[in-house]
Amino acid sequence: MAGDSVVVKTRKFTKNPLLSRRQMIVDIIHPGRANVAKSELQEVVGSMYKTSSSLVVLFGFRTKFGGGKSTGFCVIYDSEDALRKFEPKHRLVRLGLETKPERSRKAMKEAKNKGKKTRGTGASIAKHKAKRAAQAD
């Protein structure tokens, strides 16, 4: 393809010392391509900010109407410990750092309905027990 070149620009760069990370908005210009893989962007952003690509988390990408440009959010953690501590579980699963627990649809629905039957202060206890029972299955 003629349009294999990808331009990566960052804006609204902020250092967040409380979460030990740097965060920014990433603009990607990719004419001739539908979109760009996050793994490819991780390496590019990691080299831009002189850090390991495993500490770069990219999410929330939207392609502009007509294509050719995408915008998303990027977070670069200072260490892997901070990444594991502050990043949501679903994004850790996407990065391959955690595994998604296998639960059947039926077990989740039964747990939900069991929790609906109990009222008052016992409801939270019942939900907890139902969740444990669903994980045991």
N, C-alpha and C. Protein backbone atom coordinates (compact mmCIF):
# COMPACT_ATOMS: atom_id res chain seq x y z
N MET A 1 0.82 -1.19 0.00
CA MET A 1 0.00 0.00 0.00
C MET A 1 0.87 1.25 0.00
N ALA A 2 0.33 2.30 -0.56
CA ALA A 2 1.09 3.55 -0.62
C ALA A 2 1.04 4.28 0.72
N GLY A 3 -0.05 4.13 1.48
CA GLY A 3 -0.20 4.89 2.72
C GLY A 3 0.16 4.10 3.95
N ASP A 4 1.34 3.51 4.01
CA ASP A 4 1.75 2.74 5.18
C ASP A 4 2.35 3.61 6.27
N SER A 5 2.65 4.89 5.97
CA SER A 5 3.25 5.75 6.97
C SER A 5 2.22 6.18 8.01
N VAL A 6 2.64 6.17 9.26
CA VAL A 6 1.77 6.53 10.37
C VAL A 6 2.44 7.63 11.16
N VAL A 7 1.71 8.73 11.41
CA VAL A 7 2.23 9.85 12.19
C VAL A 7 1.55 9.83 13.55
N VAL A 8 2.36 9.83 14.62
CA VAL A 8 1.83 9.81 15.98
C VAL A 8 2.17 11.13 16.66
N LYS A 9 1.14 11.83 17.13
CA LYS A 9 1.33 13.09 17.84
C LYS A 9 0.64 12.98 19.20
N THR A 10 1.25 13.61 20.21
CA THR A 10 0.62 13.61 21.53
C THR A 10 0.29 15.04 21.93
N ARG A 11 -0.78 15.18 22.72
CA ARG A 11 -1.17 16.49 23.23
C ARG A 11 -1.79 16.31 24.61
N LYS A 12 -1.96 17.43 25.31
CA LYS A 12 -2.49 17.42 26.67
C LYS A 12 -1.70 16.48 27.57
N PHE A 13 -0.37 16.55 27.49
CA PHE A 13 0.51 15.72 28.30
C PHE A 13 0.45 16.17 29.75
N THR A 14 0.26 15.22 30.66
CA THR A 14 0.18 15.51 32.08
C THR A 14 0.97 14.47 32.86
N LYS A 15 1.73 14.91 33.85
CA LYS A 15 2.37 13.98 34.77
C LYS A 15 1.44 13.79 35.95
N ASN A 16 1.20 12.55 36.32
CA ASN A 16 0.31 12.23 37.43
C ASN A 16 1.11 11.46 38.49
N PRO A 17 1.79 12.17 39.40
CA PRO A 17 2.65 11.48 40.36
C PRO A 17 1.89 10.63 41.39
N LEU A 18 0.63 10.96 41.66
CA LEU A 18 -0.15 10.16 42.62
C LEU A 18 -0.39 8.74 42.10
N LEU A 19 -0.58 8.63 40.80
CA LEU A 19 -0.77 7.31 40.19
C LEU A 19 0.52 6.83 39.52
N SER A 20 1.60 7.57 39.72
CA SER A 20 2.93 7.29 39.16
C SER A 20 2.86 6.95 37.67
N ARG A 21 2.33 7.92 36.93
CA ARG A 21 2.21 7.72 35.49
C ARG A 21 2.20 9.06 34.76
N ARG A 22 2.39 8.97 33.44
CA ARG A 22 2.25 10.10 32.55
C ARG A 22 1.05 9.79 31.66
N GLN A 23 0.23 10.78 31.40
CA GLN A 23 -0.96 10.53 30.60
C GLN A 23 -1.12 11.61 29.55
N MET A 24 -1.68 11.22 28.42
CA MET A 24 -1.80 12.14 27.30
C MET A 24 -2.84 11.65 26.31
N ILE A 25 -3.23 12.54 25.41
CA ILE A 25 -4.09 12.19 24.29
C ILE A 25 -3.20 11.94 23.09
N VAL A 26 -3.48 10.88 22.35
CA VAL A 26 -2.67 10.50 21.20
C VAL A 26 -3.49 10.68 19.93
N ASP A 27 -2.94 11.43 18.99
CA ASP A 27 -3.55 11.59 17.67
C ASP A 27 -2.72 10.80 16.67
N ILE A 28 -3.38 9.94 15.90
CA ILE A 28 -2.70 9.14 14.90
C ILE A 28 -3.25 9.50 13.53
N ILE A 29 -2.34 9.84 12.63
CA ILE A 29 -2.72 10.12 11.25
C ILE A 29 -2.27 8.93 10.42
N HIS A 30 -3.23 8.22 9.82
CA HIS A 30 -2.94 6.99 9.09
C HIS A 30 -3.71 6.96 7.76
N PRO A 31 -3.31 7.79 6.79
CA PRO A 31 -4.02 7.79 5.50
C PRO A 31 -3.79 6.48 4.76
N GLY A 32 -4.86 5.97 4.18
CA GLY A 32 -4.75 4.73 3.41
C GLY A 32 -4.88 3.47 4.25
N ARG A 33 -4.98 3.61 5.56
CA ARG A 33 -5.15 2.45 6.44
C ARG A 33 -6.44 2.60 7.23
N ALA A 34 -7.10 1.49 7.49
CA ALA A 34 -8.34 1.54 8.26
C ALA A 34 -8.06 1.98 9.69
N ASN A 35 -7.10 1.35 10.33
CA ASN A 35 -6.68 1.73 11.68
C ASN A 35 -5.29 1.16 11.94
N VAL A 36 -4.73 1.43 13.11
CA VAL A 36 -3.39 0.99 13.45
C VAL A 36 -3.48 0.12 14.70
N ALA A 37 -2.74 -0.98 14.72
CA ALA A 37 -2.77 -1.90 15.85
C ALA A 37 -2.19 -1.24 17.09
N LYS A 38 -2.80 -1.53 18.25
CA LYS A 38 -2.32 -0.94 19.51
C LYS A 38 -0.91 -1.42 19.83
N SER A 39 -0.58 -2.66 19.47
CA SER A 39 0.76 -3.16 19.74
C SER A 39 1.81 -2.35 18.98
N GLU A 40 1.48 -1.97 17.75
CA GLU A 40 2.37 -1.15 16.95
C GLU A 40 2.52 0.24 17.58
N LEU A 41 1.40 0.80 18.04
CA LEU A 41 1.42 2.12 18.66
C LEU A 41 2.16 2.11 20.00
N GLN A 42 2.06 0.99 20.75
CA GLN A 42 2.77 0.88 22.02
C GLN A 42 4.27 1.05 21.82
N GLU A 43 4.78 0.41 20.79
CA GLU A 43 6.22 0.50 20.51
C GLU A 43 6.61 1.91 20.10
N VAL A 44 5.79 2.55 19.27
CA VAL A 44 6.09 3.91 18.79
C VAL A 44 6.09 4.90 19.96
N VAL A 45 5.03 4.85 20.79
CA VAL A 45 4.92 5.77 21.92
C VAL A 45 6.01 5.48 22.96
N GLY A 46 6.30 4.21 23.17
CA GLY A 46 7.37 3.83 24.11
C GLY A 46 8.71 4.39 23.69
N SER A 47 9.01 4.34 22.40
CA SER A 47 10.29 4.89 21.92
C SER A 47 10.29 6.42 21.96
N MET A 48 9.11 7.03 21.75
CA MET A 48 9.01 8.50 21.83
C MET A 48 9.35 9.01 23.22
N TYR A 49 8.88 8.28 24.25
CA TYR A 49 9.07 8.71 25.63
C TYR A 49 10.15 7.90 26.35
N LYS A 50 10.98 7.18 25.59
CA LYS A 50 12.14 6.44 26.11
C LYS A 50 11.77 5.52 27.28
N THR A 51 10.78 4.68 27.05
CA THR A 51 10.34 3.73 28.06
C THR A 51 10.01 2.40 27.40
N SER A 52 9.82 1.37 28.21
CA SER A 52 9.47 0.06 27.69
C SER A 52 8.04 0.07 27.14
N SER A 53 7.83 -0.63 26.05
CA SER A 53 6.48 -0.66 25.46
C SER A 53 5.49 -1.41 26.34
N SER A 54 5.99 -2.24 27.28
CA SER A 54 5.08 -2.98 28.17
C SER A 54 4.45 -2.07 29.22
N LEU A 55 5.01 -0.87 29.44
CA LEU A 55 4.46 0.07 30.43
C LEU A 55 3.48 1.05 29.80
N VAL A 56 3.28 0.96 28.49
CA VAL A 56 2.39 1.87 27.76
C VAL A 56 1.02 1.21 27.62
N VAL A 57 -0.02 1.94 28.03
CA VAL A 57 -1.40 1.44 27.92
C VAL A 57 -2.17 2.40 27.03
N LEU A 58 -2.77 1.87 25.97
CA LEU A 58 -3.54 2.67 25.02
C LEU A 58 -4.99 2.20 25.05
N PHE A 59 -5.93 3.15 25.05
CA PHE A 59 -7.34 2.77 25.07
C PHE A 59 -8.20 3.93 24.58
N GLY A 60 -9.46 3.63 24.30
CA GLY A 60 -10.44 4.65 23.95
C GLY A 60 -10.24 5.27 22.58
N PHE A 61 -9.81 4.48 21.60
CA PHE A 61 -9.55 5.05 20.28
C PHE A 61 -10.83 5.17 19.46
N ARG A 62 -10.95 6.30 18.79
CA ARG A 62 -12.07 6.56 17.88
C ARG A 62 -11.49 7.05 16.56
N THR A 63 -11.97 6.48 15.46
CA THR A 63 -11.55 6.92 14.15
C THR A 63 -12.47 8.04 13.68
N LYS A 64 -11.89 9.09 13.17
CA LYS A 64 -12.68 10.23 12.70
C LYS A 64 -13.47 9.83 11.46
N PHE A 65 -14.58 10.52 11.24
CA PHE A 65 -15.42 10.24 10.08
C PHE A 65 -14.62 10.48 8.81
N GLY A 66 -14.67 9.52 7.91
CA GLY A 66 -13.89 9.62 6.67
C GLY A 66 -12.57 8.88 6.76
N GLY A 67 -12.16 8.49 7.97
CA GLY A 67 -10.93 7.73 8.16
C GLY A 67 -9.69 8.59 8.08
N GLY A 68 -8.56 7.95 8.23
CA GLY A 68 -7.30 8.66 8.10
C GLY A 68 -6.77 9.28 9.38
N LYS A 69 -7.62 9.40 10.40
CA LYS A 69 -7.17 9.97 11.67
C LYS A 69 -7.91 9.31 12.82
N SER A 70 -7.16 8.96 13.87
CA SER A 70 -7.75 8.38 15.07
C SER A 70 -7.22 9.13 16.28
N THR A 71 -8.04 9.15 17.32
CA THR A 71 -7.65 9.80 18.57
C THR A 71 -7.98 8.87 19.72
N GLY A 72 -7.05 8.78 20.68
CA GLY A 72 -7.26 7.94 21.85
C GLY A 72 -6.47 8.45 23.03
N PHE A 73 -6.46 7.65 24.09
CA PHE A 73 -5.81 8.04 25.33
C PHE A 73 -4.65 7.11 25.60
N CYS A 74 -3.58 7.66 26.17
CA CYS A 74 -2.38 6.87 26.46
C CYS A 74 -1.93 7.14 27.89
N VAL A 75 -1.53 6.09 28.57
CA VAL A 75 -0.99 6.18 29.92
C VAL A 75 0.32 5.43 29.94
N ILE A 76 1.37 6.07 30.46
CA ILE A 76 2.68 5.43 30.59
C ILE A 76 3.02 5.36 32.07
N TYR A 77 3.11 4.15 32.60
CA TYR A 77 3.41 3.96 34.02
C TYR A 77 4.92 3.97 34.26
N ASP A 78 5.30 4.36 35.48
CA ASP A 78 6.71 4.41 35.85
C ASP A 78 7.27 3.02 36.10
N SER A 79 6.45 2.10 36.60
CA SER A 79 6.90 0.73 36.87
C SER A 79 5.75 -0.24 36.63
N GLU A 80 6.10 -1.53 36.55
CA GLU A 80 5.07 -2.54 36.34
C GLU A 80 4.21 -2.72 37.59
N ASP A 81 4.80 -2.47 38.76
CA ASP A 81 4.03 -2.56 40.00
C ASP A 81 2.91 -1.52 40.01
N ALA A 82 3.23 -0.29 39.59
CA ALA A 82 2.22 0.76 39.52
C ALA A 82 1.15 0.41 38.49
N LEU A 83 1.57 -0.17 37.38
CA LEU A 83 0.63 -0.59 36.33
C LEU A 83 -0.36 -1.59 36.88
N ARG A 84 0.14 -2.60 37.58
CA ARG A 84 -0.74 -3.63 38.14
C ARG A 84 -1.63 -3.08 39.26
N LYS A 85 -1.13 -2.09 40.00
CA LYS A 85 -1.88 -1.55 41.13
C LYS A 85 -3.03 -0.64 40.70
N PHE A 86 -2.79 0.22 39.70
CA PHE A 86 -3.75 1.26 39.37
C PHE A 86 -4.59 0.98 38.13
N GLU A 87 -4.16 0.11 37.26
CA GLU A 87 -4.88 -0.12 36.01
C GLU A 87 -6.08 -1.04 36.27
N PRO A 88 -7.25 -0.76 35.65
CA PRO A 88 -8.43 -1.61 35.84
C PRO A 88 -8.18 -3.03 35.33
N LYS A 89 -8.88 -3.98 35.94
CA LYS A 89 -8.66 -5.41 35.64
C LYS A 89 -8.89 -5.73 34.16
N HIS A 90 -9.92 -5.12 33.54
CA HIS A 90 -10.22 -5.47 32.15
C HIS A 90 -9.09 -5.04 31.21
N ARG A 91 -8.41 -3.94 31.54
CA ARG A 91 -7.29 -3.52 30.70
C ARG A 91 -6.06 -4.39 30.95
N LEU A 92 -5.89 -4.89 32.19
CA LEU A 92 -4.80 -5.83 32.47
C LEU A 92 -5.01 -7.13 31.69
N VAL A 93 -6.27 -7.54 31.56
CA VAL A 93 -6.58 -8.74 30.78
C VAL A 93 -6.22 -8.51 29.31
N ARG A 94 -6.54 -7.31 28.78
CA ARG A 94 -6.21 -6.98 27.39
C ARG A 94 -4.71 -6.98 27.16
N LEU A 95 -3.95 -6.52 28.17
CA LEU A 95 -2.49 -6.49 28.04
C LEU A 95 -1.86 -7.87 28.22
N GLY A 96 -2.64 -8.83 28.73
CA GLY A 96 -2.12 -10.17 28.94
C GLY A 96 -1.45 -10.34 30.29
N LEU A 97 -1.64 -9.40 31.22
CA LEU A 97 -1.02 -9.49 32.54
C LEU A 97 -1.88 -10.27 33.53
N GLU A 98 -3.17 -10.41 33.24
CA GLU A 98 -4.08 -11.20 34.07
C GLU A 98 -4.97 -12.04 33.18
N THR A 99 -5.59 -13.06 33.77
CA THR A 99 -6.50 -13.91 33.00
C THR A 99 -7.94 -13.61 33.42
N LYS A 100 -8.84 -13.70 32.47
CA LYS A 100 -10.25 -13.45 32.74
C LYS A 100 -10.84 -14.73 33.33
N PRO A 101 -11.55 -14.60 34.47
CA PRO A 101 -12.15 -15.81 35.06
C PRO A 101 -13.27 -16.34 34.18
N GLU A 102 -13.31 -17.65 34.00
CA GLU A 102 -14.34 -18.28 33.18
C GLU A 102 -15.58 -18.52 34.03
N ARG A 103 -16.66 -17.84 33.69
CA ARG A 103 -17.92 -18.03 34.38
C ARG A 103 -19.00 -18.26 33.34
N SER A 104 -19.91 -19.18 33.64
CA SER A 104 -20.99 -19.44 32.70
C SER A 104 -22.07 -18.37 32.84
N ARG A 105 -22.75 -18.14 31.77
CA ARG A 105 -23.83 -17.13 31.74
C ARG A 105 -24.93 -17.51 32.73
N LYS A 106 -25.23 -18.79 32.79
CA LYS A 106 -26.30 -19.27 33.67
C LYS A 106 -25.94 -19.03 35.14
N ALA A 107 -24.69 -19.29 35.52
CA ALA A 107 -24.27 -19.12 36.91
C ALA A 107 -24.35 -17.65 37.32
N MET A 108 -23.99 -16.75 36.40
CA MET A 108 -24.05 -15.33 36.71
C MET A 108 -25.50 -14.88 36.91
N LYS A 109 -26.40 -15.38 36.06
CA LYS A 109 -27.81 -15.00 36.17
C LYS A 109 -28.43 -15.56 37.45
N GLU A 110 -28.07 -16.80 37.82
CA GLU A 110 -28.60 -17.38 39.05
C GLU A 110 -28.13 -16.59 40.26
N ALA A 111 -26.88 -16.16 40.26
CA ALA A 111 -26.34 -15.37 41.37
C ALA A 111 -27.08 -14.03 41.47
N LYS A 112 -27.35 -13.41 40.33
CA LYS A 112 -28.07 -12.13 40.30
C LYS A 112 -29.48 -12.30 40.87
N ASN A 113 -30.19 -13.34 40.44
CA ASN A 113 -31.57 -13.55 40.87
C ASN A 113 -31.65 -13.94 42.35
N LYS A 114 -30.65 -14.69 42.83
CA LYS A 114 -30.61 -15.05 44.24
C LYS A 114 -30.44 -13.80 45.10
N GLY A 115 -29.63 -12.86 44.64
CA GLY A 115 -29.40 -11.62 45.36
C GLY A 115 -30.64 -10.74 45.37
N LYS A 116 -31.47 -10.83 44.33
CA LYS A 116 -32.69 -10.01 44.25
C LYS A 116 -33.73 -10.46 45.27
N LYS A 117 -33.72 -11.75 45.65
CA LYS A 117 -34.73 -12.28 46.55
C LYS A 117 -34.52 -11.83 47.99
N THR A 118 -33.30 -11.57 48.38
CA THR A 118 -32.99 -11.16 49.75
C THR A 118 -33.11 -9.65 49.88
N ARG A 119 -33.70 -9.20 50.98
CA ARG A 119 -33.87 -7.76 51.20
C ARG A 119 -33.12 -7.32 52.44
N GLY A 120 -32.83 -6.02 52.51
CA GLY A 120 -32.21 -5.46 53.71
C GLY A 120 -30.72 -5.71 53.79
N THR A 121 -30.23 -5.80 55.03
CA THR A 121 -28.78 -5.92 55.23
C THR A 121 -28.26 -7.28 54.79
N GLY A 122 -29.12 -8.27 54.74
CA GLY A 122 -28.69 -9.61 54.32
C GLY A 122 -28.43 -9.71 52.84
N ALA A 123 -28.83 -8.68 52.05
CA ALA A 123 -28.68 -8.73 50.60
C ALA A 123 -27.22 -8.78 50.19
N SER A 124 -26.38 -7.96 50.82
CA SER A 124 -24.97 -7.94 50.44
C SER A 124 -24.30 -9.26 50.80
N ILE A 125 -24.70 -9.84 51.92
CA ILE A 125 -24.14 -11.14 52.32
C ILE A 125 -24.56 -12.22 51.33
N ALA A 126 -25.84 -12.19 50.92
CA ALA A 126 -26.35 -13.17 49.96
C ALA A 126 -25.65 -13.04 48.61
N LYS A 127 -25.42 -11.79 48.17
CA LYS A 127 -24.72 -11.57 46.90
C LYS A 127 -23.31 -12.13 46.96
N HIS A 128 -22.67 -11.92 48.11
CA HIS A 128 -21.30 -12.43 48.30
C HIS A 128 -21.29 -13.95 48.23
N LYS A 129 -22.24 -14.59 48.92
CA LYS A 129 -22.31 -16.06 48.90
C LYS A 129 -22.63 -16.58 47.51
N ALA A 130 -23.52 -15.89 46.79
CA ALA A 130 -23.89 -16.30 45.43
C ALA A 130 -22.70 -16.16 44.49
N LYS A 131 -21.92 -15.12 44.67
CA LYS A 131 -20.74 -14.90 43.84
C LYS A 131 -19.73 -16.02 44.07
N ARG A 132 -19.53 -16.37 45.35
CA ARG A 132 -18.62 -17.48 45.69
C ARG A 132 -19.09 -18.79 45.07
N ALA A 133 -20.42 -19.03 45.13
CA ALA A 133 -20.97 -20.26 44.56
C ALA A 133 -20.78 -20.29 43.04
N ALA A 134 -20.92 -19.14 42.39
CA ALA A 134 -20.74 -19.06 40.94
C ALA A 134 -19.29 -19.32 40.56
N GLN A 135 -18.35 -18.83 41.39
CA GLN A 135 -16.92 -19.05 41.10
C GLN A 135 -16.53 -20.50 41.34
N ALA A 136 -17.20 -21.16 42.30
CA ALA A 136 -16.90 -22.56 42.59
C ALA A 136 -17.33 -23.48 41.46
N ASP A 137 -18.39 -23.08 40.71
CA ASP A 137 -18.88 -23.89 39.58
C ASP A 137 -17.96 -23.80 38.46
